[in-house]
Amino acid sequence: MSKRILVLSGTPKTQSFSTALADTYAESAQLNHEVRLFRITDMVFDPDLSEGYSQGQPLEPDLQDFQQALE
């Protein structure tokens, strides 16, 4: 039975052990499952909430895509 799997590599380093683990896991899982791999280093968004939480900040396209994948 095929599953839908979401993998997030949350490290800011492109060359790290955790990046290698995420890539290897996603590659292996793709053999039998639907896999979406997100790397923080590849995503374009502003991490600074300049208005804090008092005012909404629209999500950038990469974050919208990630949010939809979570749902």
PDB file of N, CA and C in Angstrom:
ATOM      1  N   MET A   1       0.840  -1.173   0.000  1.00  0.00           N
ATOM      2  CA  MET A   1       0.000   0.000   0.000  1.00  0.00           C
ATOM      3  C   MET A   1       0.893   1.245   0.000  1.00  0.00           C
ATOM      4  N   SER A   2       0.710   2.099  -0.978  1.00  0.00           N
ATOM      5  CA  SER A   2       1.515   3.300  -1.110  1.00  0.00           C
ATOM      6  C   SER A   2       1.061   4.372  -0.115  1.00  0.00           C
ATOM      7  N   LYS A   3       2.034   5.070   0.450  1.00  0.00           N
ATOM      8  CA  LYS A   3       1.740   6.136   1.403  1.00  0.00           C
ATOM      9  C   LYS A   3       2.237   7.466   0.841  1.00  0.00           C
ATOM     10  N   ARG A   4       1.710   8.547   1.396  1.00  0.00           N
ATOM     11  CA  ARG A   4       2.186   9.885   1.066  1.00  0.00           C
ATOM     12  C   ARG A   4       3.086  10.342   2.198  1.00  0.00           C
ATOM     13  N   ILE A   5       4.317  10.659   1.865  1.00  0.00           N
ATOM     14  CA  ILE A   5       5.329  10.993   2.868  1.00  0.00           C
ATOM     15  C   ILE A   5       5.867  12.392   2.602  1.00  0.00           C
ATOM     16  N   LEU A   6       5.976  13.188   3.654  1.00  0.00           N
ATOM     17  CA  LEU A   6       6.575  14.516   3.570  1.00  0.00           C
ATOM     18  C   LEU A   6       7.857  14.500   4.387  1.00  0.00           C
ATOM     19  N   VAL A   7       8.951  14.912   3.759  1.00  0.00           N
ATOM     20  CA  VAL A   7      10.250  14.972   4.429  1.00  0.00           C
ATOM     21  C   VAL A   7      10.695  16.432   4.448  1.00  0.00           C
ATOM     22  N   LEU A   8      11.072  16.924   5.618  1.00  0.00           N
ATOM     23  CA  LEU A   8      11.580  18.283   5.751  1.00  0.00           C
ATOM     24  C   LEU A   8      13.011  18.235   6.262  1.00  0.00           C
ATOM     25  N   SER A   9      13.917  18.789   5.477  1.00  0.00           N
ATOM     26  CA  SER A   9      15.295  18.961   5.926  1.00  0.00           C
ATOM     27  C   SER A   9      15.374  20.382   6.465  1.00  0.00           C
ATOM     28  N   GLY A  10      15.443  20.513   7.775  1.00  0.00           N
ATOM     29  CA  GLY A  10      15.355  21.813   8.415  1.00  0.00           C
ATOM     30  C   GLY A  10      16.686  22.464   8.735  1.00  0.00           C
ATOM     31  N   THR A  11      17.769  21.884   8.307  1.00  0.00           N
ATOM     32  CA  THR A  11      19.073  22.485   8.582  1.00  0.00           C
ATOM     33  C   THR A  11      19.405  23.550   7.545  1.00  0.00           C
ATOM     34  N   PRO A  12      20.056  24.627   7.957  1.00  0.00           N
ATOM     35  CA  PRO A  12      20.456  25.643   6.983  1.00  0.00           C
ATOM     36  C   PRO A  12      21.705  25.255   6.188  1.00  0.00           C
ATOM     37  N   LYS A  13      22.315  24.137   6.520  1.00  0.00           N
ATOM     38  CA  LYS A  13      23.538  23.693   5.836  1.00  0.00           C
ATOM     39  C   LYS A  13      23.191  22.752   4.686  1.00  0.00           C
ATOM     40  N   THR A  14      23.763  23.025   3.517  1.00  0.00           N
ATOM     41  CA  THR A  14      23.500  22.153   2.363  1.00  0.00           C
ATOM     42  C   THR A  14      24.320  20.868   2.428  1.00  0.00           C
ATOM     43  N   GLN A  15      25.462  20.925   3.084  1.00  0.00           N
ATOM     44  CA  GLN A  15      26.328  19.754   3.229  1.00  0.00           C
ATOM     45  C   GLN A  15      26.378  19.363   4.700  1.00  0.00           C
ATOM     46  N   SER A  16      25.436  18.535   5.115  1.00  0.00           N
ATOM     47  CA  SER A  16      25.420  18.089   6.506  1.00  0.00           C
ATOM     48  C   SER A  16      24.916  16.658   6.567  1.00  0.00           C
ATOM     49  N   PHE A  17      25.130  16.039   7.707  1.00  0.00           N
ATOM     50  CA  PHE A  17      24.686  14.662   7.900  1.00  0.00           C
ATOM     51  C   PHE A  17      23.164  14.574   7.837  1.00  0.00           C
ATOM     52  N   SER A  18      22.471  15.528   8.452  1.00  0.00           N
ATOM     53  CA  SER A  18      21.004  15.470   8.452  1.00  0.00           C
ATOM     54  C   SER A  18      20.434  15.708   7.052  1.00  0.00           C
ATOM     55  N   THR A  19      21.097  16.550   6.245  1.00  0.00           N
ATOM     56  CA  THR A  19      20.672  16.730   4.855  1.00  0.00           C
ATOM     57  C   THR A  19      20.836  15.432   4.083  1.00  0.00           C
ATOM     58  N   ALA A  20      21.958  14.778   4.273  1.00  0.00           N
ATOM     59  CA  ALA A  20      22.211  13.494   3.605  1.00  0.00           C
ATOM     60  C   ALA A  20      21.188  12.450   4.031  1.00  0.00           C
ATOM     61  N   LEU A  21      20.831  12.430   5.324  1.00  0.00           N
ATOM     62  CA  LEU A  21      19.817  11.484   5.806  1.00  0.00           C
ATOM     63  C   LEU A  21      18.461  11.744   5.149  1.00  0.00           C
ATOM     64  N   ALA A  22      18.051  13.008   5.091  1.00  0.00           N
ATOM     65  CA  ALA A  22      16.762  13.362   4.489  1.00  0.00           C
ATOM     66  C   ALA A  22      16.739  12.983   3.018  1.00  0.00           C
ATOM     67  N   ASP A  23      17.812  13.298   2.298  1.00  0.00           N
ATOM     68  CA  ASP A  23      17.882  12.972   0.874  1.00  0.00           C
ATOM     69  C   ASP A  23      17.834  11.460   0.633  1.00  0.00           C
ATOM     70  N   THR A  24      18.596  10.724   1.426  1.00  0.00           N
ATOM     71  CA  THR A  24      18.640   9.265   1.274  1.00  0.00           C
ATOM     72  C   THR A  24      17.297   8.637   1.614  1.00  0.00           C
ATOM     73  N   TYR A  25      16.674   9.104   2.685  1.00  0.00           N
ATOM     74  CA  TYR A  25      15.361   8.575   3.065  1.00  0.00           C
ATOM     75  C   TYR A  25      14.337   8.841   1.966  1.00  0.00           C
ATOM     76  N   ALA A  26      14.302  10.080   1.464  1.00  0.00           N
ATOM     77  CA  ALA A  26      13.337  10.433   0.421  1.00  0.00           C
ATOM     78  C   ALA A  26      13.566   9.609  -0.840  1.00  0.00           C
ATOM     79  N   GLU A  27      14.823   9.454  -1.220  1.00  0.00           N
ATOM     80  CA  GLU A  27      15.153   8.677  -2.412  1.00  0.00           C
ATOM     81  C   GLU A  27      14.708   7.221  -2.267  1.00  0.00           C
ATOM     82  N   SER A  28      14.954   6.636  -1.113  1.00  0.00           N
ATOM     83  CA  SER A  28      14.560   5.243  -0.871  1.00  0.00           C
ATOM     84  C   SER A  28      13.046   5.092  -0.807  1.00  0.00           C
ATOM     85  N   ALA A  29      12.387   6.011  -0.146  1.00  0.00           N
ATOM     86  CA  ALA A  29      10.934   5.928   0.001  1.00  0.00           C
ATOM     87  C   ALA A  29      10.212   6.109  -1.325  1.00  0.00           C
ATOM     88  N   GLN A  30      10.815   6.855  -2.255  1.00  0.00           N
ATOM     89  CA  GLN A  30      10.183   7.089  -3.557  1.00  0.00           C
ATOM     90  C   GLN A  30      10.009   5.813  -4.366  1.00  0.00           C
ATOM     91  N   LEU A  31      10.711   4.775  -4.001  1.00  0.00           N
ATOM     92  CA  LEU A  31      10.576   3.514  -4.722  1.00  0.00           C
ATOM     93  C   LEU A  31       9.175   2.926  -4.571  1.00  0.00           C
ATOM     94  N   ASN A  32       8.521   3.170  -3.435  1.00  0.00           N
ATOM     95  CA  ASN A  32       7.208   2.568  -3.173  1.00  0.00           C
ATOM     96  C   ASN A  32       6.137   3.560  -2.733  1.00  0.00           C
ATOM     97  N   HIS A  33       6.512   4.822  -2.554  1.00  0.00           N
ATOM     98  CA  HIS A  33       5.568   5.781  -2.001  1.00  0.00           C
ATOM     99  C   HIS A  33       5.657   7.129  -2.718  1.00  0.00           C
ATOM    100  N   GLU A  34       4.647   7.950  -2.496  1.00  0.00           N
ATOM    101  CA  GLU A  34       4.650   9.325  -2.998  1.00  0.00           C
ATOM    102  C   GLU A  34       5.368  10.188  -1.967  1.00  0.00           C
ATOM    103  N   VAL A  35       6.453  10.835  -2.370  1.00  0.00           N
ATOM    104  CA  VAL A  35       7.300  11.571  -1.432  1.00  0.00           C
ATOM    105  C   VAL A  35       7.445  13.018  -1.876  1.00  0.00           C
ATOM    106  N   ARG A  36       7.310  13.930  -0.926  1.00  0.00           N
ATOM    107  CA  ARG A  36       7.611  15.353  -1.137  1.00  0.00           C
ATOM    108  C   ARG A  36       8.746  15.701  -0.197  1.00  0.00           C
ATOM    109  N   LEU A  37       9.836  16.211  -0.762  1.00  0.00           N
ATOM    110  CA  LEU A  37      11.007  16.605   0.023  1.00  0.00           C
ATOM    111  C   LEU A  37      11.130  18.117  -0.010  1.00  0.00           C
ATOM    112  N   PHE A  38      11.188  18.723   1.156  1.00  0.00           N
ATOM    113  CA  PHE A  38      11.392  20.165   1.285  1.00  0.00           C
ATOM    114  C   PHE A  38      12.698  20.386   2.018  1.00  0.00           C
ATOM    115  N   ARG A  39      13.513  21.289   1.484  1.00  0.00           N
ATOM    116  CA  ARG A  39      14.761  21.681   2.138  1.00  0.00           C
ATOM    117  C   ARG A  39      14.666  23.168   2.485  1.00  0.00           C
ATOM    118  N   ILE A  40      14.876  23.496   3.734  1.00  0.00           N
ATOM    119  CA  ILE A  40      14.842  24.896   4.161  1.00  0.00           C
ATOM    120  C   ILE A  40      15.793  25.737   3.306  1.00  0.00           C
ATOM    121  N   THR A  41      16.952  25.161   2.958  1.00  0.00           N
ATOM    122  CA  THR A  41      17.940  25.915   2.174  1.00  0.00           C
ATOM    123  C   THR A  41      17.450  26.253   0.778  1.00  0.00           C
ATOM    124  N   ASP A  42      16.473  25.510   0.257  1.00  0.00           N
ATOM    125  CA  ASP A  42      15.942  25.766  -1.085  1.00  0.00           C
ATOM    126  C   ASP A  42      14.715  26.667  -1.068  1.00  0.00           C
ATOM    127  N   MET A  43      14.148  26.878   0.100  1.00  0.00           N
ATOM    128  CA  MET A  43      12.910  27.654   0.206  1.00  0.00           C
ATOM    129  C   MET A  43      13.220  29.146   0.331  1.00  0.00           C
ATOM    130  N   VAL A  44      12.438  29.964  -0.371  1.00  0.00           N
ATOM    131  CA  VAL A  44      12.639  31.406  -0.342  1.00  0.00           C
ATOM    132  C   VAL A  44      11.514  32.032   0.475  1.00  0.00           C
ATOM    133  N   PHE A  45      11.871  32.598   1.626  1.00  0.00           N
ATOM    134  CA  PHE A  45      10.900  33.276   2.471  1.00  0.00           C
ATOM    135  C   PHE A  45      11.630  34.195   3.442  1.00  0.00           C
ATOM    136  N   ASP A  46      10.902  35.149   3.990  1.00  0.00           N
ATOM    137  CA  ASP A  46      11.457  36.093   4.951  1.00  0.00           C
ATOM    138  C   ASP A  46      11.190  35.564   6.357  1.00  0.00           C
ATOM    139  N   PRO A  47      12.235  35.109   7.058  1.00  0.00           N
ATOM    140  CA  PRO A  47      12.025  34.564   8.400  1.00  0.00           C
ATOM    141  C   PRO A  47      11.803  35.635   9.472  1.00  0.00           C
ATOM    142  N   ASP A  48      11.960  36.900   9.107  1.00  0.00           N
ATOM    143  CA  ASP A  48      11.829  37.989  10.074  1.00  0.00           C
ATOM    144  C   ASP A  48      10.386  38.480  10.132  1.00  0.00           C
ATOM    145  N   LEU A  49       9.757  38.308  11.272  1.00  0.00           N
ATOM    146  CA  LEU A  49       8.412  38.849  11.477  1.00  0.00           C
ATOM    147  C   LEU A  49       8.575  40.278  11.966  1.00  0.00           C
ATOM    148  N   SER A  50       8.746  41.202  11.031  1.00  0.00           N
ATOM    149  CA  SER A  50       9.065  42.582  11.397  1.00  0.00           C
ATOM    150  C   SER A  50       7.984  43.243  12.249  1.00  0.00           C
ATOM    151  N   GLU A  51       6.745  42.799  12.114  1.00  0.00           N
ATOM    152  CA  GLU A  51       5.640  43.334  12.920  1.00  0.00           C
ATOM    153  C   GLU A  51       5.298  42.414  14.089  1.00  0.00           C
ATOM    154  N   GLY A  52       6.113  41.399  14.299  1.00  0.00           N
ATOM    155  CA  GLY A  52       5.826  40.434  15.356  1.00  0.00           C
ATOM    156  C   GLY A  52       4.551  39.672  15.026  1.00  0.00           C
ATOM    157  N   TYR A  53       3.826  39.274  16.048  1.00  0.00           N
ATOM    158  CA  TYR A  53       2.578  38.540  15.851  1.00  0.00           C
ATOM    159  C   TYR A  53       1.365  39.455  15.880  1.00  0.00           C
ATOM    160  N   SER A  54       1.598  40.763  16.020  1.00  0.00           N
ATOM    161  CA  SER A  54       0.470  41.691  16.118  1.00  0.00           C
ATOM    162  C   SER A  54      -0.182  41.962  14.762  1.00  0.00           C
ATOM    163  N   GLN A  55       0.551  41.707  13.696  1.00  0.00           N
ATOM    164  CA  GLN A  55       0.000  41.940  12.364  1.00  0.00           C
ATOM    165  C   GLN A  55       0.339  40.744  11.484  1.00  0.00           C
ATOM    166  N   GLY A  56      -0.629  40.313  10.693  1.00  0.00           N
ATOM    167  CA  GLY A  56      -0.406  39.165   9.820  1.00  0.00           C
ATOM    168  C   GLY A  56       0.615  39.461   8.740  1.00  0.00           C
ATOM    169  N   GLN A  57       1.331  38.432   8.351  1.00  0.00           N
ATOM    170  CA  GLN A  57       2.308  38.548   7.277  1.00  0.00           C
ATOM    171  C   GLN A  57       1.961  37.462   6.258  1.00  0.00           C
ATOM    172  N   PRO A  58       1.714  37.846   5.009  1.00  0.00           N
ATOM    173  CA  PRO A  58       1.329  36.838   4.017  1.00  0.00           C
ATOM    174  C   PRO A  58       2.457  35.828   3.789  1.00  0.00           C
ATOM    175  N   LEU A  59       2.058  34.589   3.570  1.00  0.00           N
ATOM    176  CA  LEU A  59       3.045  33.543   3.322  1.00  0.00           C
ATOM    177  C   LEU A  59       3.569  33.626   1.893  1.00  0.00           C
ATOM    178  N   GLU A  60       4.864  33.421   1.746  1.00  0.00           N
ATOM    179  CA  GLU A  60       5.487  33.375   0.445  1.00  0.00           C
ATOM    180  C   GLU A  60       5.088  32.064  -0.251  1.00  0.00           C
ATOM    181  N   PRO A  61       5.238  31.992  -1.594  1.00  0.00           N
ATOM    182  CA  PRO A  61       4.828  30.790  -2.332  1.00  0.00           C
ATOM    183  C   PRO A  61       5.440  29.484  -1.817  1.00  0.00           C
ATOM    184  N   ASP A  62       6.717  29.494  -1.436  1.00  0.00           N
ATOM    185  CA  ASP A  62       7.334  28.268  -0.918  1.00  0.00           C
ATOM    186  C   ASP A  62       6.676  27.809   0.379  1.00  0.00           C
ATOM    187  N   LEU A  63       6.322  28.761   1.243  1.00  0.00           N
ATOM    188  CA  LEU A  63       5.663  28.404   2.499  1.00  0.00           C
ATOM    189  C   LEU A  63       4.219  27.956   2.259  1.00  0.00           C
ATOM    190  N   GLN A  64       3.553  28.553   1.279  1.00  0.00           N
ATOM    191  CA  GLN A  64       2.198  28.118   0.920  1.00  0.00           C
ATOM    192  C   GLN A  64       2.234  26.683   0.404  1.00  0.00           C
ATOM    193  N   ASP A  65       3.230  26.375  -0.428  1.00  0.00           N
ATOM    194  CA  ASP A  65       3.373  25.020  -0.966  1.00  0.00           C
ATOM    195  C   ASP A  65       3.625  24.017   0.157  1.00  0.00           C
ATOM    196  N   PHE A  66       4.491  24.382   1.101  1.00  0.00           N
ATOM    197  CA  PHE A  66       4.778  23.507   2.239  1.00  0.00           C
ATOM    198  C   PHE A  66       3.532  23.300   3.091  1.00  0.00           C
ATOM    199  N   GLN A  67       2.783  24.372   3.334  1.00  0.00           N
ATOM    200  CA  GLN A  67       1.565  24.290   4.141  1.00  0.00           C
ATOM    201  C   GLN A  67       0.551  23.363   3.476  1.00  0.00           C
ATOM    202  N   GLN A  68       0.397  23.480   2.173  1.00  0.00           N
ATOM    203  CA  GLN A  68      -0.541  22.605   1.441  1.00  0.00           C
ATOM    204  C   GLN A  68      -0.083  21.147   1.513  1.00  0.00           C
ATOM    205  N   ALA A  69       1.217  20.912   1.439  1.00  0.00           N
ATOM    206  CA  ALA A  69       1.729  19.546   1.525  1.00  0.00           C
ATOM    207  C   ALA A  69       1.443  18.954   2.909  1.00  0.00           C
ATOM    208  N   LEU A  70       1.505  19.769   3.947  1.00  0.00           N
ATOM    209  CA  LEU A  70       1.201  19.294   5.306  1.00  0.00           C
ATOM    210  C   LEU A  70      -0.262  18.877   5.435  1.00  0.00           C
ATOM    211  N   GLU A  71      -1.126  19.637   4.783  1.00  0.00           N
ATOM    212  CA  GLU A  71      -2.563  19.345   4.870  1.00  0.00           C
ATOM    213  C   GLU A  71      -2.878  18.071   4.134  1.00  0.00           C
TER     214      GLU A  71
END
